[in-house]
Amino acid sequence: MIDSYSSDLDEKKRGIFYNLFIVSQKQKHTLKELYRLLDIDKTEYDRLKSEILLDFARSYREGALLTYHD
């Protein structure tokens, strides 16, 4: 499910998705690193992350959705 979902994402969304769900804690990029690697700012990161989480939740109907609040 996760692989098929992530393969349909564009480069920026895939980078964010992998950092949120795929890579281990030790390999995760900091937000500052992600902004630089993906050439985005905090506002765009927040927008893309929200889109990913909402879209993934809609396509993952048989599981549980956990939310993270800062």
N, C-alpha and C. Protein backbone atom coordinates (compact mmCIF):
# COMPACT_ATOMS: atom_id res chain seq x y z
N MET A 1 0.81 -1.19 0.00
CA MET A 1 0.00 0.00 0.00
C MET A 1 0.86 1.26 0.00
N ILE A 2 1.85 1.31 0.88
CA ILE A 2 2.70 2.49 0.98
C ILE A 2 3.53 2.67 -0.28
N ASP A 3 4.08 1.57 -0.80
CA ASP A 3 4.89 1.67 -2.02
C ASP A 3 4.08 2.14 -3.21
N SER A 4 2.89 1.61 -3.38
CA SER A 4 2.07 2.03 -4.52
C SER A 4 1.64 3.47 -4.37
N TYR A 5 1.35 3.91 -3.15
CA TYR A 5 0.97 5.30 -2.94
C TYR A 5 2.15 6.23 -3.23
N SER A 6 3.31 5.92 -2.68
CA SER A 6 4.45 6.82 -2.82
C SER A 6 4.97 6.89 -4.25
N SER A 7 4.78 5.84 -5.02
CA SER A 7 5.28 5.85 -6.40
C SER A 7 4.50 6.83 -7.28
N ASP A 8 3.31 7.23 -6.86
CA ASP A 8 2.50 8.18 -7.63
C ASP A 8 2.76 9.64 -7.25
N LEU A 9 3.61 9.88 -6.27
CA LEU A 9 3.87 11.24 -5.81
C LEU A 9 4.95 11.91 -6.65
N ASP A 10 4.89 13.25 -6.72
CA ASP A 10 5.97 13.97 -7.39
C ASP A 10 7.20 13.97 -6.49
N GLU A 11 8.30 14.50 -6.99
CA GLU A 11 9.57 14.42 -6.29
C GLU A 11 9.53 15.06 -4.90
N LYS A 12 8.94 16.24 -4.79
CA LYS A 12 8.90 16.93 -3.50
C LYS A 12 8.04 16.18 -2.49
N LYS A 13 6.86 15.77 -2.92
CA LYS A 13 5.98 15.03 -2.01
C LYS A 13 6.59 13.70 -1.62
N ARG A 14 7.25 13.02 -2.56
CA ARG A 14 7.87 11.74 -2.26
C ARG A 14 8.98 11.93 -1.23
N GLY A 15 9.77 12.99 -1.36
CA GLY A 15 10.83 13.27 -0.39
C GLY A 15 10.28 13.48 1.01
N ILE A 16 9.21 14.23 1.10
CA ILE A 16 8.57 14.48 2.40
C ILE A 16 7.96 13.19 2.94
N PHE A 17 7.26 12.45 2.09
CA PHE A 17 6.63 11.20 2.50
C PHE A 17 7.66 10.20 3.03
N TYR A 18 8.76 10.03 2.30
CA TYR A 18 9.80 9.11 2.74
C TYR A 18 10.38 9.54 4.08
N ASN A 19 10.59 10.83 4.24
CA ASN A 19 11.16 11.32 5.50
C ASN A 19 10.19 11.11 6.66
N LEU A 20 8.90 11.22 6.40
CA LEU A 20 7.91 11.03 7.46
C LEU A 20 7.68 9.57 7.82
N PHE A 21 7.64 8.69 6.80
CA PHE A 21 7.15 7.32 7.03
C PHE A 21 8.13 6.19 6.71
N ILE A 22 9.10 6.40 5.88
CA ILE A 22 9.90 5.29 5.38
C ILE A 22 11.26 5.15 6.07
N VAL A 23 12.04 6.21 6.10
CA VAL A 23 13.40 6.12 6.62
C VAL A 23 13.42 5.99 8.13
N SER A 24 14.47 5.38 8.64
CA SER A 24 14.61 5.22 10.09
C SER A 24 14.90 6.57 10.74
N GLN A 25 14.70 6.63 12.04
CA GLN A 25 14.93 7.87 12.78
C GLN A 25 16.35 8.40 12.57
N LYS A 26 17.31 7.52 12.52
CA LYS A 26 18.71 7.93 12.37
C LYS A 26 18.99 8.51 10.99
N GLN A 27 18.19 8.15 9.99
CA GLN A 27 18.43 8.61 8.63
C GLN A 27 17.55 9.80 8.24
N LYS A 28 16.64 10.18 9.09
CA LYS A 28 15.72 11.28 8.76
C LYS A 28 16.49 12.59 8.59
N HIS A 29 16.03 13.39 7.64
CA HIS A 29 16.59 14.73 7.44
C HIS A 29 15.90 15.69 8.40
N THR A 30 16.63 16.69 8.83
CA THR A 30 16.01 17.76 9.60
C THR A 30 15.16 18.59 8.64
N LEU A 31 14.26 19.39 9.19
CA LEU A 31 13.44 20.23 8.33
C LEU A 31 14.31 21.19 7.51
N LYS A 32 15.33 21.72 8.12
CA LYS A 32 16.23 22.64 7.41
C LYS A 32 16.88 21.93 6.22
N GLU A 33 17.29 20.69 6.41
CA GLU A 33 17.89 19.91 5.31
C GLU A 33 16.86 19.64 4.21
N LEU A 34 15.63 19.29 4.62
CA LEU A 34 14.58 19.04 3.63
C LEU A 34 14.26 20.28 2.82
N TYR A 35 14.17 21.42 3.47
CA TYR A 35 13.90 22.67 2.76
C TYR A 35 14.96 22.89 1.68
N ARG A 36 16.21 22.67 2.04
CA ARG A 36 17.31 22.88 1.10
C ARG A 36 17.30 21.83 -0.01
N LEU A 37 17.14 20.57 0.36
CA LEU A 37 17.16 19.48 -0.63
C LEU A 37 16.02 19.58 -1.64
N LEU A 38 14.85 19.97 -1.16
CA LEU A 38 13.66 20.02 -2.01
C LEU A 38 13.39 21.41 -2.57
N ASP A 39 14.21 22.39 -2.17
CA ASP A 39 14.07 23.77 -2.63
C ASP A 39 12.68 24.31 -2.32
N ILE A 40 12.29 24.19 -1.04
CA ILE A 40 10.99 24.68 -0.58
C ILE A 40 11.19 25.47 0.71
N ASP A 41 10.16 26.19 1.12
CA ASP A 41 10.20 26.90 2.40
C ASP A 41 9.23 26.23 3.36
N LYS A 42 9.15 26.76 4.59
CA LYS A 42 8.31 26.15 5.62
C LYS A 42 6.84 26.12 5.21
N THR A 43 6.35 27.19 4.60
CA THR A 43 4.95 27.26 4.19
C THR A 43 4.63 26.17 3.17
N GLU A 44 5.49 26.02 2.17
CA GLU A 44 5.26 25.00 1.16
C GLU A 44 5.37 23.60 1.76
N TYR A 45 6.35 23.40 2.66
CA TYR A 45 6.48 22.11 3.34
C TYR A 45 5.19 21.76 4.08
N ASP A 46 4.67 22.70 4.87
CA ASP A 46 3.45 22.45 5.63
C ASP A 46 2.27 22.13 4.72
N ARG A 47 2.16 22.86 3.61
CA ARG A 47 1.07 22.61 2.66
C ARG A 47 1.19 21.23 2.02
N LEU A 48 2.40 20.88 1.58
CA LEU A 48 2.61 19.58 0.95
C LEU A 48 2.39 18.44 1.94
N LYS A 49 2.88 18.61 3.16
CA LYS A 49 2.70 17.58 4.19
C LYS A 49 1.23 17.37 4.47
N SER A 50 0.46 18.44 4.57
CA SER A 50 -0.98 18.32 4.81
C SER A 50 -1.66 17.59 3.65
N GLU A 51 -1.30 17.94 2.43
CA GLU A 51 -1.88 17.26 1.26
C GLU A 51 -1.57 15.77 1.29
N ILE A 52 -0.33 15.43 1.61
CA ILE A 52 0.09 14.03 1.66
C ILE A 52 -0.72 13.28 2.71
N LEU A 53 -0.80 13.83 3.91
CA LEU A 53 -1.49 13.14 5.01
C LEU A 53 -2.97 12.95 4.71
N LEU A 54 -3.62 13.98 4.18
CA LEU A 54 -5.04 13.85 3.86
C LEU A 54 -5.28 12.87 2.73
N ASP A 55 -4.47 12.96 1.68
CA ASP A 55 -4.64 12.06 0.54
C ASP A 55 -4.35 10.61 0.93
N PHE A 56 -3.29 10.41 1.71
CA PHE A 56 -2.93 9.06 2.14
C PHE A 56 -4.04 8.48 3.03
N ALA A 57 -4.60 9.30 3.91
CA ALA A 57 -5.68 8.83 4.79
C ALA A 57 -6.90 8.42 3.97
N ARG A 58 -7.21 9.17 2.92
CA ARG A 58 -8.35 8.81 2.06
C ARG A 58 -8.12 7.50 1.34
N SER A 59 -6.88 7.24 0.94
CA SER A 59 -6.61 6.02 0.18
C SER A 59 -6.33 4.82 1.08
N TYR A 60 -6.18 5.04 2.37
CA TYR A 60 -5.88 3.96 3.31
C TYR A 60 -7.10 3.74 4.20
N ARG A 61 -8.13 3.15 3.66
CA ARG A 61 -9.41 3.04 4.36
C ARG A 61 -9.49 1.90 5.36
N GLU A 62 -8.61 0.93 5.25
CA GLU A 62 -8.71 -0.24 6.14
C GLU A 62 -7.83 -0.12 7.37
N GLY A 63 -7.09 0.95 7.51
CA GLY A 63 -6.19 1.09 8.65
C GLY A 63 -6.59 2.25 9.54
N ALA A 64 -5.74 2.53 10.47
CA ALA A 64 -5.98 3.64 11.40
C ALA A 64 -5.18 4.84 10.97
N LEU A 65 -5.72 6.00 11.19
CA LEU A 65 -5.02 7.24 10.88
C LEU A 65 -4.57 7.87 12.20
N LEU A 66 -3.28 8.11 12.30
CA LEU A 66 -2.74 8.79 13.47
C LEU A 66 -2.35 10.19 13.04
N THR A 67 -2.61 11.17 13.86
CA THR A 67 -2.25 12.54 13.53
C THR A 67 -1.17 13.03 14.48
N TYR A 68 -0.35 13.89 13.99
CA TYR A 68 0.73 14.48 14.77
C TYR A 68 0.51 15.98 14.82
N HIS A 69 0.52 16.53 16.01
CA HIS A 69 0.35 17.98 16.19
C HIS A 69 1.60 18.54 16.82
N ASP A 70 2.07 19.66 16.28
CA ASP A 70 3.24 20.35 16.86
C ASP A 70 2.86 21.10 18.10
